[in-house]
Protein backbone atom coordinates (compact mmCIF):
# COMPACT_ATOMS: atom_id res chain seq x y z
CA UNK A 1 0.00 0.00 0.00
CA UNK A 2 1.29 3.50 -0.82
CA UNK A 3 2.72 5.31 2.21
CA UNK A 4 0.83 8.51 1.39
CA UNK A 5 -2.49 6.68 1.19
CA UNK A 6 -1.86 4.85 4.46
CA UNK A 7 -0.80 8.12 6.09
CA UNK A 8 -4.10 9.84 5.22
CA UNK A 9 -6.14 6.92 6.55
CA UNK A 10 -4.08 6.77 9.74
CA UNK A 11 -4.51 10.49 10.41
CA UNK A 12 -8.16 10.59 9.41
CA UNK A 13 -8.90 8.06 12.14
CA UNK A 14 -6.60 9.76 14.65
CA UNK A 15 -8.31 13.12 14.19
CA UNK A 16 -11.80 11.64 14.51
CA UNK A 17 -10.76 9.88 17.71
CA UNK A 18 -8.98 13.00 18.97
CA UNK A 19 -12.09 15.12 18.49
CA UNK A 20 -14.12 12.61 20.51
CA UNK A 21 -11.56 12.31 23.27
CA UNK A 22 -11.10 16.07 23.53
CA UNK A 23 -14.85 16.29 23.99
CA UNK A 24 -14.70 13.62 26.69
CA UNK A 25 -11.81 15.37 28.46
CA UNK A 26 -13.52 18.74 28.40
CA UNK A 27 -16.85 17.29 29.48
CA UNK A 28 -15.43 15.62 32.58
CA UNK A 29 -13.56 18.81 33.46
CA UNK A 30 -16.65 20.95 32.92
CA UNK A 31 -18.75 18.70 35.15
CA UNK A 32 -16.06 18.56 37.84
CA UNK A 33 -15.72 22.35 37.84
CA UNK A 34 -19.36 22.66 38.94
CA UNK A 35 -18.70 20.70 42.13
CA UNK A 36 -17.87 22.64 45.32
CA UNK A 37 -14.16 22.91 45.86
CA UNK A 38 -13.06 26.51 45.68
CA UNK A 39 -12.13 28.82 42.82
CA UNK A 40 -8.39 28.14 43.09
CA UNK A 41 -8.84 24.36 42.78
CA UNK A 42 -11.08 24.75 39.73
CA UNK A 43 -8.60 27.12 38.09
CA UNK A 44 -5.72 24.73 38.70
CA UNK A 45 -7.77 21.91 37.18
CA UNK A 46 -8.22 23.87 33.95
CA UNK A 47 -4.51 24.71 33.99
CA UNK A 48 -3.64 21.02 34.48
CA UNK A 49 -5.83 20.13 31.51
CA UNK A 50 -3.92 22.54 29.26
CA UNK A 51 -0.58 21.27 30.56
CA UNK A 52 -1.40 17.61 30.02
CA UNK A 53 -2.75 18.39 26.55
CA UNK A 54 0.55 20.19 25.84
CA UNK A 55 -1.35 23.35 24.91
CA UNK A 56 -0.50 25.77 27.71
CA UNK A 57 2.04 27.82 25.71
CA UNK A 58 -0.29 28.08 22.73
CA UNK A 59 -3.16 29.14 25.00
CA UNK A 60 -1.17 31.97 26.60
CA UNK A 61 0.05 33.13 23.21
CA UNK A 62 -3.47 34.30 22.38
CA UNK A 63 -5.00 34.93 25.82
CA UNK A 64 -4.05 36.81 28.97
CA UNK A 65 -6.47 35.21 31.44
CA UNK A 66 -7.18 31.62 32.47
CA UNK A 67 -10.90 30.86 32.68
CA UNK A 68 -13.23 27.98 32.02
CA UNK A 69 -14.86 29.79 29.10
CA UNK A 70 -11.47 30.69 27.66
CA UNK A 71 -10.22 27.10 27.78
CA UNK A 72 -13.48 25.73 26.37
CA UNK A 73 -13.44 28.18 23.47
CA UNK A 74 -9.75 27.50 22.81
CA UNK A 75 -10.11 23.71 22.82
CA UNK A 76 -13.45 23.53 21.01
CA UNK A 77 -13.81 26.32 18.47
CA UNK A 78 -10.41 27.98 17.96
CA UNK A 79 -9.21 27.20 14.40
CA UNK A 80 -5.69 28.40 15.29
CA UNK A 81 -5.39 25.53 17.79
CA UNK A 82 -4.59 22.41 15.73
CA UNK A 83 -5.90 20.18 18.54
CA UNK A 84 -9.25 21.93 18.97
CA UNK A 85 -12.35 19.92 18.12
CA UNK A 86 -13.14 22.07 15.11
CA UNK A 87 -9.57 21.71 13.82
CA UNK A 88 -9.65 17.93 14.32
CA UNK A 89 -12.89 17.59 12.37
CA UNK A 90 -11.48 19.77 9.60
CA UNK A 91 -8.26 17.74 9.43
CA UNK A 92 -10.20 14.45 9.43
CA UNK A 93 -12.24 15.74 6.47
CA UNK A 94 -9.14 16.86 4.57
CA UNK A 95 -7.48 13.48 5.02
CA UNK A 96 -10.67 11.66 4.04
CA UNK A 97 -11.03 13.79 0.92
CA UNK A 98 -7.47 12.90 -0.11
CA UNK A 99 -8.34 9.16 -0.05
CA UNK A 100 -11.94 9.18 -1.26
CA UNK A 101 -10.93 6.61 -3.86
CA UNK A 102 -10.59 3.92 -1.16
CA UNK A 103 -13.42 5.07 1.11
CA UNK A 104 -16.97 3.85 0.89
CA UNK A 105 -19.31 6.74 -0.04
CA UNK A 106 -21.09 6.35 3.30
CA UNK A 107 -17.86 6.92 5.22
CA UNK A 108 -16.94 10.02 3.26
CA UNK A 109 -20.45 11.36 3.81
CA UNK A 110 -20.23 10.73 7.57
CA UNK A 111 -16.88 12.54 7.89
CA UNK A 112 -17.85 15.40 5.59
CA UNK A 113 -21.25 16.01 7.19
CA UNK A 114 -19.67 15.99 10.66
CA UNK A 115 -17.42 18.86 9.65
CA UNK A 116 -20.23 20.82 7.99
CA UNK A 117 -22.62 20.37 10.92
CA UNK A 118 -19.93 21.40 13.43
CA UNK A 119 -19.65 24.73 11.61
CA UNK A 120 -23.36 25.29 11.95
CA UNK A 121 -23.45 24.37 15.64
CA UNK A 122 -20.49 26.55 16.62
CA UNK A 123 -21.80 29.62 14.78
CA UNK A 124 -24.38 29.84 17.56
CA UNK A 125 -22.54 31.28 20.60
CA UNK A 126 -25.11 29.63 22.88
CA UNK A 127 -23.15 26.37 22.84
CA UNK A 128 -20.83 27.75 25.54
CA UNK A 129 -23.74 27.93 28.03
CA UNK A 130 -24.33 24.18 27.78
CA UNK A 131 -21.18 22.65 26.25
CA UNK A 132 -22.15 19.14 27.36
CA UNK A 133 -24.76 18.98 24.60
CA UNK A 134 -22.13 19.78 21.99
CA UNK A 135 -19.74 17.24 23.51
CA UNK A 136 -22.43 14.55 23.24
CA UNK A 137 -22.91 15.46 19.59
CA UNK A 138 -19.16 15.09 18.95
CA UNK A 139 -19.11 11.66 20.59
CA UNK A 140 -22.11 10.49 18.58
CA UNK A 141 -20.56 11.69 15.30
CA UNK A 142 -17.32 9.89 16.15
CA UNK A 143 -19.27 6.70 16.87
CA UNK A 144 -21.08 7.11 13.54
CA UNK A 145 -17.86 7.56 11.53
CA UNK A 146 -16.18 4.62 13.26
CA UNK A 147 -19.23 2.39 12.88
CA UNK A 148 -19.58 3.20 9.19
CA UNK A 149 -15.87 2.47 8.69
CA UNK A 150 -16.11 -0.93 10.40
CA UNK A 151 -19.28 -1.78 8.53
CA UNK A 152 -18.20 -0.73 5.04
CA UNK A 153 -14.42 -1.07 4.61
CA UNK A 154 -12.71 -4.13 3.26
CA UNK A 155 -10.54 -5.67 5.98
CA UNK A 156 -7.30 -4.93 4.18
CA UNK A 157 -4.31 -2.65 4.85
CA UNK A 158 -6.44 0.49 4.49
CA UNK A 159 -8.66 -0.76 7.31
CA UNK A 160 -5.70 -1.84 9.47
CA UNK A 161 -3.98 1.56 9.23
CA UNK A 162 -7.25 3.28 10.11
CA UNK A 163 -7.57 1.11 13.21
CA UNK A 164 -3.94 1.72 14.19
CA UNK A 165 -4.65 5.47 14.14
CA UNK A 166 -7.80 5.01 16.23
CA UNK A 167 -6.22 2.94 18.99
CA UNK A 168 -2.98 4.92 19.20
CA UNK A 169 -4.98 8.10 19.73
CA UNK A 170 -7.37 6.41 22.16
CA UNK A 171 -4.53 5.08 24.32
CA UNK A 172 -2.96 8.54 24.45
CA UNK A 173 -6.20 10.23 25.42
CA UNK A 174 -7.29 7.66 28.02
CA UNK A 175 -3.94 8.20 29.75
CA UNK A 176 -4.45 11.97 29.61
CA UNK A 177 -8.00 11.79 31.01
CA UNK A 178 -6.85 9.63 33.93
CA UNK A 179 -3.75 11.74 34.53
CA UNK A 180 -5.49 15.11 34.52
CA UNK A 181 -7.90 13.88 37.18
CA UNK A 182 -5.12 12.40 39.33
CA UNK A 183 -3.27 15.73 39.15
CA UNK A 184 -6.47 17.58 40.08
CA UNK A 185 -7.15 15.10 42.88
CA UNK A 186 -3.64 15.55 44.30
CA UNK A 187 -4.02 19.33 44.13
CA UNK A 188 -7.27 19.17 46.07
CA UNK A 189 -6.52 16.54 48.69
CA UNK A 190 -6.29 19.18 51.40
CA UNK A 191 -9.66 20.68 50.47
CA UNK A 192 -12.43 20.12 53.00
CA UNK A 193 -14.93 19.92 50.15
CA UNK A 194 -13.28 17.08 48.30
CA UNK A 195 -14.35 14.42 50.77
CA UNK A 196 -18.03 15.28 50.25
CA UNK A 197 -17.76 15.36 46.48
CA UNK A 198 -15.15 12.69 45.82
CA UNK A 199 -17.70 10.19 44.52
CA UNK A 200 -19.00 12.66 41.92
CA UNK A 201 -15.45 13.70 41.05
CA UNK A 202 -14.37 10.17 40.20
CA UNK A 203 -17.73 9.14 38.76
CA UNK A 204 -17.27 11.91 36.19
CA UNK A 205 -13.97 10.30 35.18
CA UNK A 206 -15.71 6.96 34.60
CA UNK A 207 -18.51 8.59 32.64
CA UNK A 208 -15.96 10.38 30.46
CA UNK A 209 -14.88 6.98 29.09
CA UNK A 210 -18.36 5.42 29.21
CA UNK A 211 -17.29 3.12 32.04
CA UNK A 212 -19.45 4.03 35.05
CA UNK A 213 -21.85 1.10 34.60
CA UNK A 214 -18.94 -1.20 33.77
CA UNK A 215 -17.22 -0.22 37.03
CA UNK A 216 -20.36 -1.12 38.98
CA UNK A 217 -20.61 -4.45 37.18
CA UNK A 218 -16.94 -5.34 37.78
CA UNK A 219 -16.41 -4.10 41.36
CA UNK A 220 -19.96 -3.78 42.77
CA UNK A 221 -18.95 -1.40 45.57
CA UNK A 222 -17.65 2.09 46.34
CA UNK A 223 -15.83 4.05 43.66
CA UNK A 224 -12.15 4.47 44.54
CA UNK A 225 -9.31 6.14 42.59
CA UNK A 226 -7.12 3.03 42.65
CA UNK A 227 -9.79 0.77 41.21
CA UNK A 228 -10.56 3.36 38.56
CA UNK A 229 -6.85 3.30 37.68
CA UNK A 230 -6.91 -0.49 37.51
CA UNK A 231 -9.99 -0.44 35.28
CA UNK A 232 -8.66 2.18 32.86
CA UNK A 233 -5.11 0.84 32.77
CA UNK A 234 -5.32 -2.93 32.93
CA UNK A 235 -8.79 -4.30 32.15
CA UNK A 236 -8.45 -5.80 28.67
CA UNK A 237 -12.24 -6.17 28.42
CA UNK A 238 -12.84 -2.41 28.80
CA UNK A 239 -12.74 -0.96 25.26
CA UNK A 240 -10.98 2.27 26.28
CA UNK A 241 -8.45 0.86 28.75
CA UNK A 242 -4.76 1.24 27.98
CA UNK A 243 -4.27 -2.52 27.72
CA UNK A 244 -7.25 -2.96 25.39
CA UNK A 245 -5.87 -0.23 23.12
CA UNK A 246 -2.40 -1.78 23.07
CA UNK A 247 -3.84 -5.22 22.36
CA UNK A 248 -5.68 -3.85 19.31
CA UNK A 249 -2.67 -1.82 18.24
CA UNK A 250 -0.45 -4.88 18.32
CA UNK A 251 -2.93 -6.99 16.34
CA UNK A 252 -3.25 -4.38 13.59
CA UNK A 253 0.48 -3.68 13.48
CA UNK A 254 1.10 -7.40 13.03
CA UNK A 255 -1.38 -7.39 10.15
CA UNK A 256 0.54 -4.70 8.24
CA UNK A 257 4.02 -5.92 9.19
CA UNK A 258 3.91 -9.03 7.00
CA UNK A 259 5.47 -11.23 9.68
CA UNK A 260 8.42 -8.87 10.18
CA UNK A 261 9.31 -7.72 13.70
CA UNK A 262 9.78 -4.04 12.92
CA UNK A 263 10.62 -1.27 15.36
CA UNK A 264 7.02 -0.13 15.80
CA UNK A 265 5.82 -3.64 16.60
CA UNK A 266 8.62 -4.13 19.14
CA UNK A 267 7.75 -0.86 20.93
CA UNK A 268 4.06 -1.78 20.99
CA UNK A 269 4.88 -5.27 22.28
CA UNK A 270 6.94 -3.89 25.15
CA UNK A 271 4.19 -1.45 26.11
CA UNK A 272 1.61 -4.22 25.94
CA UNK A 273 3.69 -6.55 28.14
CA UNK A 274 4.32 -3.84 30.74
CA UNK A 275 0.60 -3.15 31.04
CA UNK A 276 -0.33 -6.83 31.15
CA UNK A 277 2.01 -7.67 34.04
CA UNK A 278 1.67 -4.43 35.98
CA UNK A 279 0.47 -4.65 39.60
CA UNK A 280 -2.04 -1.87 40.19
CA UNK A 281 -2.05 -1.92 43.98
CA UNK A 282 -1.48 0.38 46.95
CA UNK A 283 2.27 0.42 46.34
CA UNK A 284 1.68 1.55 42.75
CA UNK A 285 -0.74 4.36 43.67
CA UNK A 286 1.86 7.06 44.51
CA UNK A 287 3.56 6.53 41.13
CA UNK A 288 0.49 6.64 38.90
CA UNK A 289 1.26 10.13 37.59
CA UNK A 290 4.84 9.17 36.75
CA UNK A 291 3.65 5.95 35.09
CA UNK A 292 1.12 7.78 32.94
CA UNK A 293 3.67 10.42 31.97
CA UNK A 294 6.07 7.68 30.85
CA UNK A 295 3.26 5.92 28.98
CA UNK A 296 2.45 9.12 27.08
CA UNK A 297 6.11 9.49 26.14
CA UNK A 298 6.14 5.89 24.88
CA UNK A 299 2.96 6.52 22.89
CA UNK A 300 4.62 9.52 21.25
CA UNK A 301 7.68 7.43 20.33
CA UNK A 302 5.45 4.70 18.97
CA UNK A 303 3.60 7.18 16.77
CA UNK A 304 6.88 8.47 15.37
CA UNK A 305 8.13 4.95 14.70
CA UNK A 306 4.88 3.93 12.97
CA UNK A 307 5.29 6.93 10.68
CA UNK A 308 8.93 6.03 10.06
CA UNK A 309 8.23 2.36 9.33
CA UNK A 310 5.04 2.62 7.28
CA UNK A 311 3.84 6.16 6.62
CA UNK A 312 5.21 9.59 5.79
CA UNK A 313 7.90 10.32 8.44
CA UNK A 314 7.17 13.32 10.68
CA UNK A 315 9.52 15.50 12.67
CA UNK A 316 9.93 14.63 16.36
């Protein structure tokens, strides 16, 4: 398969997944910010979100005040931010248009209409008063695009590269969602309000990855940060867990590697093995932030190596 063609499919899927996960990240932060906890804690939570999304410098380049509305506008509707939802949907459309020859008409229509409808929705400034409705729309459009892709594409290299893009982006964003809440939790441990609202705080994390009901089914008791970490890191049967993403990544990388043990497959295999044999227990709890930071660095290296081995190489 041509590298350029594979590259467009890979990035089309990454941008669709990134738009969805940005919506999930912002939604959980928006809901958490409405809980009692003090203005300073809420402000630091928004700052932590920008830092973990690696967008703090870009935010301050165009703004002189940190606020919930400012961050929401920057990460949803700012076309100058390449990681904003509107930019992701635009980039997904551009990549899809470049490979329309290998896409089913239904998939192109789903991607194209998502971009066009986002423009209509964001022209109405009222979205900022209830951003959760817009975030739900983004998630539903992502589900539609992914479902159409699975239901219409031939299971060949084009499909495999699309899935590689999806699961690489999903692993990255699940780690960021979990990490931003652990950072916020650590910042607020001394707050007298946190004890009364801790359940809602962590329940919002589970809902952000559609895992609240799954948590209840698996553990059947009180919601705790450590068990949430175990669920989102190590449960292979949870679709958005880190291990589930790495399992799918490895399968699809093997499919395009032709039996060769390339650099990307070796990196993915090491990450998969580390997650599989990790002990998520009380001794691990103090190091969760460091673990997630290292995982994000490994995900970045894996993305670069995938581009080097199969796609159009990108600058580090």
